[in-house]
Structure formats: C-alpha cells, structure tokens
Amino acid sequence: MQRGFVAFLFICFSFNAFAQVNTERYRKEYDTPGFSIRNTTSIDFSSGNTNEFEVGEQLRLDWNNPIQDYYAVIDYEFKRANKQKTKNKGFIHLRSIRQLNKDKIMAEAFTQLEFDQFLQLQSRFLLGMGVRSDLLQLFSDSGFNKALKLFIGIGLMYEDEHYTTDPPIIVSHYRSTNYISLAMSLSEHAQLGFVTYYQPALEAFKDFRFSADVNLTLDVLKNLALSLKIRYLHRSVAIGESVSNDQEIKTGLIFKFP
C-alpha cells in the first residue's frame, strides 16, 4: 500500500489533469471499503418568453480501503439561452487521501485541470498537497456524534492559468489552499454539507479566491437521490471581461453504484 501511495504521488506530479474548483464538496464518507461509482445528471429546460436549455453531467469514481482513498471527478456543464451559448465549462479532479492517525489526521495529494469559456479561461492546471483533520474526532477519543463531521485543511498548490484574452494572459502562482468543511446527516435519507475555501497567492495576498458551497442530498431510492447545490465564488483579481463574483444554484439527479 505504501507503494500505491508513492505511485499516486508520482502520477499527480507528472500527469496534466484538471483545475481549481471547490472540490471539498465532492468528498464522500465511506462505511465499507471497495470501488464505487456515482453519476449526477441535471437538465433544465424552459420555453416561451425565455428559451433556455441547460445540461450538466458529473461522473465520480472511488476506490478506498481502511488507510488509503482515491477518487476522480469529471464534470461538464453547458447552457444555451435564446439561441446563444451562455455556459460551457468543465473539469477533472484526481485526489489521494492517506490516513495518518485513525481518521483524525490525513495527508492529501491532488491535481486538476479546468476550462471555462465565459471566464475566458482556456485552461487552469494545478498540483498540490496538504493535510486535513476531523476536529471532532481529533478532540474526542470516543468519536461522539458520528452524524456530524467538521474538517479543517491546509495545503500548498501550484496554479498555471491560460486566458483567451486579447492579448492572451498567462498567470502562474503558488497558493495557500485552506478550507473548513461541515458534513451532517439530517436523517437516514438526508445529508447536508457546507464548505468554504480561502486561497491567497503567496507572493501577493491581495490576490485571493474565496468560495462557499451548500449541498443538500435527499435519498429517494436505494441507488437514487436528489441534490440541491448553492455556490458563491469571489475572485479578488478578475481577468479580461469577467467579473469578481459568481453565484449558482443547481438541482440534479444522482445515481449511485453499488
């Protein structure tokens, strides 16, 4: 297993995969080890005074065991309104998490690649690592209130961005990546999650990103669930014609296997 961890780190540092989004919201807590697939499809359509069509597809692959977890997320979103394309973006995220102290402290390695046409972002590549801790587990030997988890994480990442502005802009930074994540089981069939990120550039702390996500999942059947996601993103430095703030509300249908 040690060899597996080293091999994954090598892949992270040599493979050009996909970029900087709030990936803590994609985490999943496991009760049993093994392989799992999770697919989320969302479709929104309206016609009349406003003609809109939006589709989103997200595929997640997981493999985990008692001390090592791996997962990959592939996400794509497209929207057309009144015959004009208004959204075209996607990303791939790869991550490894290794237990260092019985779920209390974990080491992470990750890589991402992202594009967003309407932010004029041709590509964003990042590579990073860090540590995270479940604060409730850390200060409780008995692991009380297993329905509630509170994570805090700190890390370092390298980010390289290419923009389709005129003239083209290339931006590279080392960033500190820090987050707080709350996961709560509201009932046997309902889960709530909240995540907030703060990511300043090390050479210029005025250049930072802040994001906050709220996720609600309701199980309908054994392998089927409904999801509601609310997201806010702020960039202190906007590039080209983009603005500093984005808000998003999404609903979706989740299929899980096994």
C-alpha atoms as a PDB file:
ATOM      1  CA  MET A   1       0.000   0.000   0.000  1.00  0.00           C
ATOM      2  CA  GLN A   2       2.922   2.303   0.630  1.00  0.00           C
ATOM      3  CA  ARG A   3       3.997   1.672  -2.966  1.00  0.00           C
ATOM      4  CA  GLY A   4       0.488   2.570  -4.126  1.00  0.00           C
ATOM      5  CA  PHE A   5       0.643   5.888  -2.302  1.00  0.00           C
ATOM      6  CA  VAL A   6       4.058   6.745  -3.756  1.00  0.00           C
ATOM      7  CA  ALA A   7       2.849   5.774  -7.232  1.00  0.00           C
ATOM      8  CA  PHE A   8      -0.170   8.069  -6.937  1.00  0.00           C
ATOM      9  CA  LEU A   9       2.029  10.982  -5.842  1.00  0.00           C
ATOM     10  CA  PHE A  10       4.189  10.363  -8.893  1.00  0.00           C
ATOM     11  CA  ILE A  11       1.100  10.459 -11.132  1.00  0.00           C
ATOM     12  CA  CYS A  12      -0.053  13.702  -9.508  1.00  0.00           C
ATOM     13  CA  PHE A  13       3.287  15.365 -10.215  1.00  0.00           C
ATOM     14  CA  SER A  14       3.561  14.173 -13.819  1.00  0.00           C
ATOM     15  CA  PHE A  15       0.022  13.982 -15.270  1.00  0.00           C
ATOM     16  CA  ASN A  16      -1.664  17.087 -16.772  1.00  0.00           C
ATOM     17  CA  ALA A  17      -5.139  16.634 -15.391  1.00  0.00           C
ATOM     18  CA  PHE A  18      -7.889  19.262 -14.350  1.00  0.00           C
ATOM     19  CA  ALA A  19      -8.121  22.748 -12.036  1.00  0.00           C
ATOM     20  CA  GLN A  20      -9.160  24.892  -9.188  1.00  0.00           C
ATOM     21  CA  VAL A  21     -12.748  24.445  -8.077  1.00  0.00           C
ATOM     22  CA  ASN A  22     -14.238  23.788  -4.692  1.00  0.00           C
ATOM     23  CA  THR A  23     -13.558  20.043  -4.609  1.00  0.00           C
ATOM     24  CA  GLU A  24     -14.099  19.541  -0.881  1.00  0.00           C
ATOM     25  CA  ARG A  25     -17.835  19.428  -1.670  1.00  0.00           C
ATOM     26  CA  TYR A  26     -17.192  16.257  -3.689  1.00  0.00           C
ATOM     27  CA  ARG A  27     -15.901  14.308  -0.705  1.00  0.00           C
ATOM     28  CA  LYS A  28     -17.734  11.230   0.428  1.00  0.00           C
ATOM     29  CA  GLU A  29     -17.557   9.350   3.697  1.00  0.00           C
ATOM     30  CA  TYR A  30     -17.283   5.561   3.437  1.00  0.00           C
ATOM     31  CA  ASP A  31     -18.709   2.809   5.616  1.00  0.00           C
ATOM     32  CA  THR A  32     -17.242  -0.083   3.611  1.00  0.00           C
ATOM     33  CA  PRO A  33     -14.066  -0.363   1.523  1.00  0.00           C
ATOM     34  CA  GLY A  34     -14.065  -1.018  -2.204  1.00  0.00           C
ATOM     35  CA  PHE A  35     -14.964   0.553  -5.548  1.00  0.00           C
ATOM     36  CA  SER A  36     -17.971   2.798  -6.191  1.00  0.00           C
ATOM     37  CA  ILE A  37     -19.468   4.887  -8.996  1.00  0.00           C
ATOM     38  CA  ARG A  38     -21.631   7.981  -8.586  1.00  0.00           C
ATOM     39  CA  ASN A  39     -23.235   9.737 -11.575  1.00  0.00           C
ATOM     40  CA  THR A  40     -25.193  13.005 -11.386  1.00  0.00           C
ATOM     41  CA  THR A  41     -27.247  14.282 -14.335  1.00  0.00           C
ATOM     42  CA  SER A  42     -29.062  17.619 -14.331  1.00  0.00           C
ATOM     43  CA  ILE A  43     -31.308  19.007 -17.090  1.00  0.00           C
ATOM     44  CA  ASP A  44     -33.178  22.337 -17.046  1.00  0.00           C
ATOM     45  CA  PHE A  45     -35.417  23.486 -19.889  1.00  0.00           C
ATOM     46  CA  SER A  46     -37.790  26.409 -20.433  1.00  0.00           C
ATOM     47  CA  SER A  47     -39.584  27.906 -23.440  1.00  0.00           C
ATOM     48  CA  GLY A  48     -41.826  30.878 -24.134  1.00  0.00           C
ATOM     49  CA  ASN A  49     -40.627  34.377 -23.344  1.00  0.00           C
ATOM     50  CA  THR A  50     -37.262  32.839 -22.474  1.00  0.00           C
ATOM     51  CA  ASN A  51     -35.870  29.780 -24.220  1.00  0.00           C
ATOM     52  CA  GLU A  52     -33.222  28.040 -22.154  1.00  0.00           C
ATOM     53  CA  PHE A  53     -31.612  24.653 -22.145  1.00  0.00           C
ATOM     54  CA  GLU A  54     -29.003  23.552 -19.601  1.00  0.00           C
ATOM     55  CA  VAL A  55     -27.414  20.173 -19.030  1.00  0.00           C
ATOM     56  CA  GLY A  56     -24.816  19.021 -16.531  1.00  0.00           C
ATOM     57  CA  GLU A  57     -23.046  15.703 -16.160  1.00  0.00           C
ATOM     58  CA  GLN A  58     -20.786  14.583 -13.334  1.00  0.00           C
ATOM     59  CA  LEU A  59     -19.099  11.206 -13.008  1.00  0.00           C
ATOM     60  CA  ARG A  60     -17.252  10.180  -9.855  1.00  0.00           C
ATOM     61  CA  LEU A  61     -15.095   7.080  -9.368  1.00  0.00           C
ATOM     62  CA  ASP A  62     -13.855   5.991  -5.926  1.00  0.00           C
ATOM     63  CA  TRP A  63     -11.614   3.284  -4.589  1.00  0.00           C
ATOM     64  CA  ASN A  64     -10.869   3.098  -0.886  1.00  0.00           C
ATOM     65  CA  ASN A  65      -9.521   0.874   1.861  1.00  0.00           C
ATOM     66  CA  PRO A  66      -9.027   1.430   5.614  1.00  0.00           C
ATOM     67  CA  ILE A  67      -5.963   3.705   5.216  1.00  0.00           C
ATOM     68  CA  GLN A  68      -5.957   4.923   1.580  1.00  0.00           C
ATOM     69  CA  ASP A  69      -8.639   6.568  -0.579  1.00  0.00           C
ATOM     70  CA  TYR A  70      -8.500   7.544  -4.260  1.00  0.00           C
ATOM     71  CA  TYR A  71     -11.125   9.373  -6.247  1.00  0.00           C
ATOM     72  CA  ALA A  72     -11.648  11.060  -9.622  1.00  0.00           C
ATOM     73  CA  VAL A  73     -14.367  13.567 -10.552  1.00  0.00           C
ATOM     74  CA  ILE A  74     -15.244  14.500 -14.143  1.00  0.00           C
ATOM     75  CA  ASP A  75     -17.702  17.393 -14.503  1.00  0.00           C
ATOM     76  CA  TYR A  76     -19.163  19.218 -17.538  1.00  0.00           C
ATOM     77  CA  GLU A  77     -21.856  21.930 -17.821  1.00  0.00           C
ATOM     78  CA  PHE A  78     -23.448  23.508 -20.898  1.00  0.00           C
ATOM     79  CA  LYS A  79     -26.208  26.107 -21.238  1.00  0.00           C
ATOM     80  CA  ARG A  80     -27.924  27.850 -24.158  1.00  0.00           C
ATOM     81  CA  ALA A  81     -30.365  30.771 -23.734  1.00  0.00           C
ATOM     82  CA  ASN A  82     -32.300  32.349 -26.620  1.00  0.00           C
ATOM     83  CA  LYS A  83     -30.064  30.524 -29.136  1.00  0.00           C
ATOM     84  CA  GLN A  84     -26.920  31.909 -27.510  1.00  0.00           C
ATOM     85  CA  LYS A  85     -24.394  29.786 -25.654  1.00  0.00           C
ATOM     86  CA  THR A  86     -24.110  31.137 -22.075  1.00  0.00           C
ATOM     87  CA  LYS A  87     -22.199  28.370 -20.270  1.00  0.00           C
ATOM     88  CA  ASN A  88     -19.502  25.938 -21.347  1.00  0.00           C
ATOM     89  CA  LYS A  89     -17.182  24.664 -18.649  1.00  0.00           C
ATOM     90  CA  GLY A  90     -15.718  21.506 -17.167  1.00  0.00           C
ATOM     91  CA  PHE A  91     -13.001  19.992 -15.037  1.00  0.00           C
ATOM     92  CA  ILE A  92     -11.270  16.782 -13.976  1.00  0.00           C
ATOM     93  CA  HIS A  93     -10.024  16.278 -10.426  1.00  0.00           C
ATOM     94  CA  LEU A  94      -7.800  13.470  -9.088  1.00  0.00           C
ATOM     95  CA  ARG A  95      -7.027  13.032  -5.387  1.00  0.00           C
ATOM     96  CA  SER A  96      -5.441  10.607  -2.939  1.00  0.00           C
ATOM     97  CA  ILE A  97      -6.068  10.683   0.828  1.00  0.00           C
ATOM     98  CA  ARG A  98      -3.994   8.678   3.300  1.00  0.00           C
ATOM     99  CA  GLN A  99      -4.913   8.114   6.932  1.00  0.00           C
ATOM    100  CA  LEU A 100      -2.109   9.092   9.303  1.00  0.00           C
ATOM    101  CA  ASN A 101      -3.887   8.799  12.651  1.00  0.00           C
ATOM    102  CA  LYS A 102      -7.152   6.796  12.651  1.00  0.00           C
ATOM    103  CA  ASP A 103      -9.326   9.272  10.706  1.00  0.00           C
ATOM    104  CA  LYS A 104      -8.062  12.192  12.817  1.00  0.00           C
ATOM    105  CA  ILE A 105      -5.238  13.425  10.563  1.00  0.00           C
ATOM    106  CA  MET A 106      -4.915  12.746   6.834  1.00  0.00           C
ATOM    107  CA  ALA A 107      -2.396  13.584   4.088  1.00  0.00           C
ATOM    108  CA  GLU A 108      -3.608  14.563   0.615  1.00  0.00           C
ATOM    109  CA  ALA A 109      -2.201  14.859  -2.901  1.00  0.00           C
ATOM    110  CA  PHE A 110      -4.251  16.239  -5.802  1.00  0.00           C
ATOM    111  CA  THR A 111      -4.174  17.546  -9.358  1.00  0.00           C
ATOM    112  CA  GLN A 112      -6.800  19.266 -11.527  1.00  0.00           C
ATOM    113  CA  LEU A 113      -7.435  20.734 -14.973  1.00  0.00           C
ATOM    114  CA  GLU A 114     -10.316  23.103 -15.747  1.00  0.00           C
ATOM    115  CA  PHE A 115     -11.720  25.287 -18.526  1.00  0.00           C
ATOM    116  CA  ASP A 116     -14.475  27.912 -18.540  1.00  0.00           C
ATOM    117  CA  GLN A 117     -15.263  29.631 -21.828  1.00  0.00           C
ATOM    118  CA  PHE A 118     -17.200  32.514 -20.285  1.00  0.00           C
ATOM    119  CA  LEU A 119     -14.439  33.364 -17.833  1.00  0.00           C
ATOM    120  CA  GLN A 120     -12.120  33.359 -20.891  1.00  0.00           C
ATOM    121  CA  LEU A 121     -10.261  30.561 -19.121  1.00  0.00           C
ATOM    122  CA  GLN A 122      -8.686  28.298 -21.712  1.00  0.00           C
ATOM    123  CA  SER A 123      -7.061  26.073 -19.081  1.00  0.00           C
ATOM    124  CA  ARG A 124      -6.102  26.061 -15.427  1.00  0.00           C
ATOM    125  CA  PHE A 125      -3.727  23.393 -14.218  1.00  0.00           C
ATOM    126  CA  LEU A 126      -2.866  22.883 -10.585  1.00  0.00           C
ATOM    127  CA  LEU A 127      -0.911  20.484  -8.456  1.00  0.00           C
ATOM    128  CA  GLY A 128      -0.846  20.373  -4.672  1.00  0.00           C
ATOM    129  CA  MET A 129      -0.751  18.571  -1.371  1.00  0.00           C
ATOM    130  CA  GLY A 130      -1.764  19.200   2.211  1.00  0.00           C
ATOM    131  CA  VAL A 131      -3.124  17.818   5.453  1.00  0.00           C
ATOM    132  CA  ARG A 132      -6.646  17.699   6.864  1.00  0.00           C
ATOM    133  CA  SER A 133      -8.163  16.835  10.200  1.00  0.00           C
ATOM    134  CA  ASP A 134     -11.586  15.906  11.521  1.00  0.00           C
ATOM    135  CA  LEU A 135     -11.716  18.250  14.516  1.00  0.00           C
ATOM    136  CA  LEU A 136     -14.468  16.329  16.305  1.00  0.00           C
ATOM    137  CA  GLN A 137     -12.515  13.075  16.009  1.00  0.00           C
ATOM    138  CA  LEU A 138      -9.270  14.808  16.977  1.00  0.00           C
ATOM    139  CA  PHE A 139     -10.612  16.029  20.322  1.00  0.00           C
ATOM    140  CA  SER A 140     -12.816  13.049  21.116  1.00  0.00           C
ATOM    141  CA  ASP A 141     -11.453   9.545  21.720  1.00  0.00           C
ATOM    142  CA  SER A 142     -14.959   8.102  21.660  1.00  0.00           C
ATOM    143  CA  GLY A 143     -15.858   9.627  18.279  1.00  0.00           C
ATOM    144  CA  PHE A 144     -19.111  11.126  19.587  1.00  0.00           C
ATOM    145  CA  ASN A 145     -21.837  12.317  17.240  1.00  0.00           C
ATOM    146  CA  LYS A 146     -20.847  10.353  14.150  1.00  0.00           C
ATOM    147  CA  ALA A 147     -23.644  12.108  12.242  1.00  0.00           C
ATOM    148  CA  LEU A 148     -21.572  15.316  12.326  1.00  0.00           C
ATOM    149  CA  LYS A 149     -18.094  15.847  10.869  1.00  0.00           C
ATOM    150  CA  LEU A 150     -16.063  19.060  10.937  1.00  0.00           C
ATOM    151  CA  PHE A 151     -12.925  19.119   8.810  1.00  0.00           C
ATOM    152  CA  ILE A 152     -10.188  21.720   8.521  1.00  0.00           C
ATOM    153  CA  GLY A 153      -7.489  21.559   5.888  1.00  0.00           C
ATOM    154  CA  ILE A 154      -4.332  23.468   4.910  1.00  0.00           C
ATOM    155  CA  GLY A 155      -2.128  22.940   1.900  1.00  0.00           C
ATOM    156  CA  LEU A 156       0.043  24.326  -0.865  1.00  0.00           C
ATOM    157  CA  MET A 157      -0.592  24.214  -4.604  1.00  0.00           C
ATOM    158  CA  TYR A 158       0.932  25.438  -7.851  1.00  0.00           C
ATOM    159  CA  GLU A 159      -1.514  27.020 -10.308  1.00  0.00           C
ATOM    160  CA  ASP A 160      -0.976  27.819 -14.007  1.00  0.00           C
ATOM    161  CA  GLU A 161      -3.729  29.662 -15.925  1.00  0.00           C
ATOM    162  CA  HIS A 162      -4.087  30.466 -19.644  1.00  0.00           C
ATOM    163  CA  TYR A 163      -6.711  33.030 -20.728  1.00  0.00           C
ATOM    164  CA  THR A 164      -8.100  33.713 -24.230  1.00  0.00           C
ATOM    165  CA  THR A 165      -7.988  37.489 -23.769  1.00  0.00           C
ATOM    166  CA  ASP A 166      -6.559  39.867 -26.365  1.00  0.00           C
ATOM    167  CA  PRO A 167      -3.647  39.701 -25.928  1.00  0.00           C
ATOM    168  CA  PRO A 168      -3.581  36.264 -24.220  1.00  0.00           C
ATOM    169  CA  ILE A 169      -2.747  36.272 -20.498  1.00  0.00           C
ATOM    170  CA  ILE A 170      -0.789  33.600 -18.632  1.00  0.00           C
ATOM    171  CA  VAL A 171      -0.791  33.670 -14.819  1.00  0.00           C
ATOM    172  CA  SER A 172       1.174  31.342 -12.538  1.00  0.00           C
ATOM    173  CA  HIS A 173       1.058  31.339  -8.731  1.00  0.00           C
ATOM    174  CA  TYR A 174       1.883  29.306  -5.677  1.00  0.00           C
ATOM    175  CA  ARG A 175      -1.207  29.476  -3.491  1.00  0.00           C
ATOM    176  CA  SER A 176      -2.057  28.513   0.043  1.00  0.00           C
ATOM    177  CA  THR A 177      -5.270  26.473  -0.005  1.00  0.00           C
ATOM    178  CA  ASN A 178      -7.299  26.387   3.215  1.00  0.00           C
ATOM    179  CA  TYR A 179     -10.808  25.160   3.932  1.00  0.00           C
ATOM    180  CA  ILE A 180     -13.398  24.349   6.561  1.00  0.00           C
ATOM    181  CA  SER A 181     -15.909  21.605   5.766  1.00  0.00           C
ATOM    182  CA  LEU A 182     -19.020  20.591   7.693  1.00  0.00           C
ATOM    183  CA  ALA A 183     -20.874  17.343   6.884  1.00  0.00           C
ATOM    184  CA  MET A 184     -24.096  16.492   8.701  1.00  0.00           C
ATOM    185  CA  SER A 185     -26.669  13.689   8.465  1.00  0.00           C
ATOM    186  CA  LEU A 186     -30.062  15.332   8.946  1.00  0.00           C
ATOM    187  CA  SER A 187     -31.773  11.945   8.870  1.00  0.00           C
ATOM    188  CA  GLU A 188     -31.226   8.463   7.475  1.00  0.00           C
ATOM    189  CA  HIS A 189     -32.064   9.777   3.991  1.00  0.00           C
ATOM    190  CA  ALA A 190     -30.888  13.415   4.068  1.00  0.00           C
ATOM    191  CA  GLN A 191     -27.370  14.849   4.177  1.00  0.00           C
ATOM    192  CA  LEU A 192     -26.224  18.461   4.388  1.00  0.00           C
ATOM    193  CA  GLY A 193     -22.763  19.788   3.597  1.00  0.00           C
ATOM    194  CA  PHE A 194     -21.104  23.212   3.837  1.00  0.00           C
ATOM    195  CA  VAL A 195     -17.629  24.079   2.549  1.00  0.00           C
ATOM    196  CA  THR A 196     -15.680  27.340   2.459  1.00  0.00           C
ATOM    197  CA  TYR A 197     -12.272  27.885   0.816  1.00  0.00           C
ATOM    198  CA  TYR A 198      -9.692  30.695   1.088  1.00  0.00           C
ATOM    199  CA  GLN A 199      -6.788  30.578  -1.390  1.00  0.00           C
ATOM    200  CA  PRO A 200      -4.354  33.534  -1.401  1.00  0.00           C
ATOM    201  CA  ALA A 201      -1.323  33.795  -3.688  1.00  0.00           C
ATOM    202  CA  LEU A 202       1.827  33.518  -1.589  1.00  0.00           C
ATOM    203  CA  GLU A 203       3.608  36.367  -3.386  1.00  0.00           C
ATOM    204  CA  ALA A 204       0.572  38.700  -3.276  1.00  0.00           C
ATOM    205  CA  PHE A 205      -2.035  38.078  -0.556  1.00  0.00           C
ATOM    206  CA  LYS A 206      -4.322  40.661  -2.188  1.00  0.00           C
ATOM    207  CA  ASP A 207      -4.779  38.127  -4.975  1.00  0.00           C
ATOM    208  CA  PHE A 208      -7.084  35.546  -3.426  1.00  0.00           C
ATOM    209  CA  ARG A 209     -10.115  33.379  -4.111  1.00  0.00           C
ATOM    210  CA  PHE A 210     -12.944  32.725  -1.686  1.00  0.00           C
ATOM    211  CA  SER A 211     -15.774  30.259  -2.220  1.00  0.00           C
ATOM    212  CA  ALA A 212     -18.667  28.833  -0.219  1.00  0.00           C
ATOM    213  CA  ASP A 213     -20.844  25.835  -1.108  1.00  0.00           C
ATOM    214  CA  VAL A 214     -24.006  24.393   0.446  1.00  0.00           C
ATOM    215  CA  ASN A 215     -25.105  20.906  -0.670  1.00  0.00           C
ATOM    216  CA  LEU A 216     -28.303  19.064   0.254  1.00  0.00           C
ATOM    217  CA  THR A 217     -28.848  15.430  -0.809  1.00  0.00           C
ATOM    218  CA  LEU A 218     -32.123  13.519  -0.369  1.00  0.00           C
ATOM    219  CA  ASP A 219     -32.227   9.763  -0.955  1.00  0.00           C
ATOM    220  CA  VAL A 220     -35.282   8.735  -3.000  1.00  0.00           C
ATOM    221  CA  LEU A 221     -34.446   5.081  -3.610  1.00  0.00           C
ATOM    222  CA  LYS A 222     -31.531   2.842  -2.660  1.00  0.00           C
ATOM    223  CA  ASN A 223     -29.444   3.983  -5.654  1.00  0.00           C
ATOM    224  CA  LEU A 224     -31.211   7.249  -6.497  1.00  0.00           C
ATOM    225  CA  ALA A 225     -31.068  10.684  -4.847  1.00  0.00           C
ATOM    226  CA  LEU A 226     -31.983  14.320  -5.456  1.00  0.00           C
ATOM    227  CA  SER A 227     -29.432  17.099  -4.946  1.00  0.00           C
ATOM    228  CA  LEU A 228     -29.535  20.859  -4.399  1.00  0.00           C
ATOM    229  CA  LYS A 229     -26.318  22.894  -4.615  1.00  0.00           C
ATOM    230  CA  ILE A 230     -25.809  26.585  -3.874  1.00  0.00           C
ATOM    231  CA  ARG A 231     -22.431  28.158  -4.610  1.00  0.00           C
ATOM    232  CA  TYR A 232     -20.734  31.563  -4.251  1.00  0.00           C
ATOM    233  CA  LEU A 233     -17.298  32.385  -5.680  1.00  0.00           C
ATOM    234  CA  HIS A 234     -15.266  35.574  -5.323  1.00  0.00           C
ATOM    235  CA  ARG A 235     -12.027  36.402  -7.145  1.00  0.00           C
ATOM    236  CA  SER A 236     -10.193  39.481  -5.885  1.00  0.00           C
ATOM    237  CA  VAL A 237      -8.442  39.808  -9.265  1.00  0.00           C
ATOM    238  CA  ALA A 238     -10.704  39.407 -12.298  1.00  0.00           C
ATOM    239  CA  ILE A 239      -9.165  38.673 -15.701  1.00  0.00           C
ATOM    240  CA  GLY A 240     -10.348  40.169 -19.001  1.00  0.00           C
ATOM    241  CA  GLU A 241     -14.094  40.778 -19.208  1.00  0.00           C
ATOM    242  CA  SER A 242     -15.010  38.517 -16.273  1.00  0.00           C
ATOM    243  CA  VAL A 243     -16.461  39.895 -13.020  1.00  0.00           C
ATOM    244  CA  SER A 244     -15.293  39.155  -9.480  1.00  0.00           C
ATOM    245  CA  ASN A 245     -18.408  37.364  -8.155  1.00  0.00           C
ATOM    246  CA  ASP A 246     -20.358  34.314  -9.279  1.00  0.00           C
ATOM    247  CA  GLN A 247     -23.473  32.721  -7.746  1.00  0.00           C
ATOM    248  CA  GLU A 248     -25.023  29.435  -8.788  1.00  0.00           C
ATOM    249  CA  ILE A 249     -27.992  27.258  -7.792  1.00  0.00           C
ATOM    250  CA  LYS A 250     -28.291  23.745  -9.256  1.00  0.00           C
ATOM    251  CA  THR A 251     -30.599  20.776  -8.861  1.00  0.00           C
ATOM    252  CA  GLY A 252     -29.756  17.280 -10.013  1.00  0.00           C
ATOM    253  CA  LEU A 253     -30.456  13.554 -10.013  1.00  0.00           C
ATOM    254  CA  ILE A 254     -27.793  11.244  -8.551  1.00  0.00           C
ATOM    255  CA  PHE A 255     -27.332   7.579  -9.439  1.00  0.00           C
ATOM    256  CA  LYS A 256     -25.053   5.582  -7.100  1.00  0.00           C
ATOM    257  CA  PHE A 257     -23.468   2.167  -7.541  1.00  0.00           C
ATOM    258  CA  PRO A 258     -23.179  -0.019  -5.529  1.00  0.00           C
END
